[in-house]
Amino acid sequence: MRKPVFLVLPLIIVTGTDALAEPISPSFSQKLDIQVRYDERSNRPSREQYRLRYYPSVALNSAWSLNSFVVTGDDFSSSHNTLGSDNTDYLYARRLYLRHENDYGKTELGIIPTYKGRVSSTGLSKDGWITGVRHVRQLANDTAIELVVGQLANAEASEAFNIGGEDGYFEIEYSAKMGQRHSYEASFEKMLGGTFARAEYRFRVNDEDTAFIELVQRIDESAAKIVVGTSGEFAASAFNTSYPIEYFAYYSYINSVFGERAELIEDFLGTGHGGSLEFSGVLSEKHDVEWFVRADVVDSVSRLLAGVKLSFES
């Protein structure tokens, strides 16, 4: 089994006077997610897989924390190992970064996550990494601006801490909420030799359901990805009881010349027309156990996923 690669970075950020406003009293917290799933794909044999996601964090004080992320899988958008295989027992640290938070937003520096909050369908895989700095500034009226500068490579997970020699990464994003029902994001990105403009609009149909549309246009090529979908929750009734089930459904299209950015999306199947439908629910609230079933189709490739997930936090 390959051993995780850890790197300690001497990172210092000074963004205001609150960094030294209180004595350091570190506290440790951690979270572990365990998933086991069945993966049936039309273009290869079925397989049983597992995933471990471990999130350790040390809070230095109320504003500063040191965070890491360790996960199974062998590349940027893959986080599952295959049961019964002799050469897929991967486990690597993919992130190590300082985070500073206050009422005005947050700053992250080091080997940071690919996202600032919720992960969009057109966003990079939530198990990936960027080497650099992110600053999110909260503005008036539920708006925010995000700036990310650093490096990104479509690389193996074992190389996540190999700093240098990667492609430059730049992103600037503006996001806003319009009341309780509407929200949108607009961003400009440069990565992997391409230039992209991304837009997202979300509409809360009711208390349970949200519709959304997302578009990423590659500016330097005539290529785009579009996603239209809905997510929410409904109640299934049986034996005079009501059981809540969450769902997530969307249609997508990715142009074949879109580039490497398409492959950095989680569980990438291929380019062309596609769709996905997922249902999930709680098996045990006491032990934080969930089940899920998901079906994907992209042109001639189809896939069925089914499994359970457990979470532990302290």
Foldseek 3Di string as FASTA:
>chain_A
DDDADDDDDPDDDDDDDVVPVDQWDKDKKKKKKKWWKWKPKPVDHIFIKMKIKMKIKIARDPFKIKIWIKMFDKWFQGGIFTPPDPPRRGIYIQWIWMKGDDPFWIKIAAFAFQDDDDADQLGFHRSHTFHFMKTWTQDPQAKIKMWTWGFDARDISNCNNVDDPGWTKIKIKIKHDDPDFKIKMWMWIDYPNWTKIKIKIWGAPDPFKIWMKIKIATPVDRWIKIKTWMWGWDWDDDPNDTFIKIKTKIKMATDQVNDPSQVRRHPRDHGGIKMKMKIKGDPDPVFAKMWMWMWMDHPPMIMIMTIMMTMDID
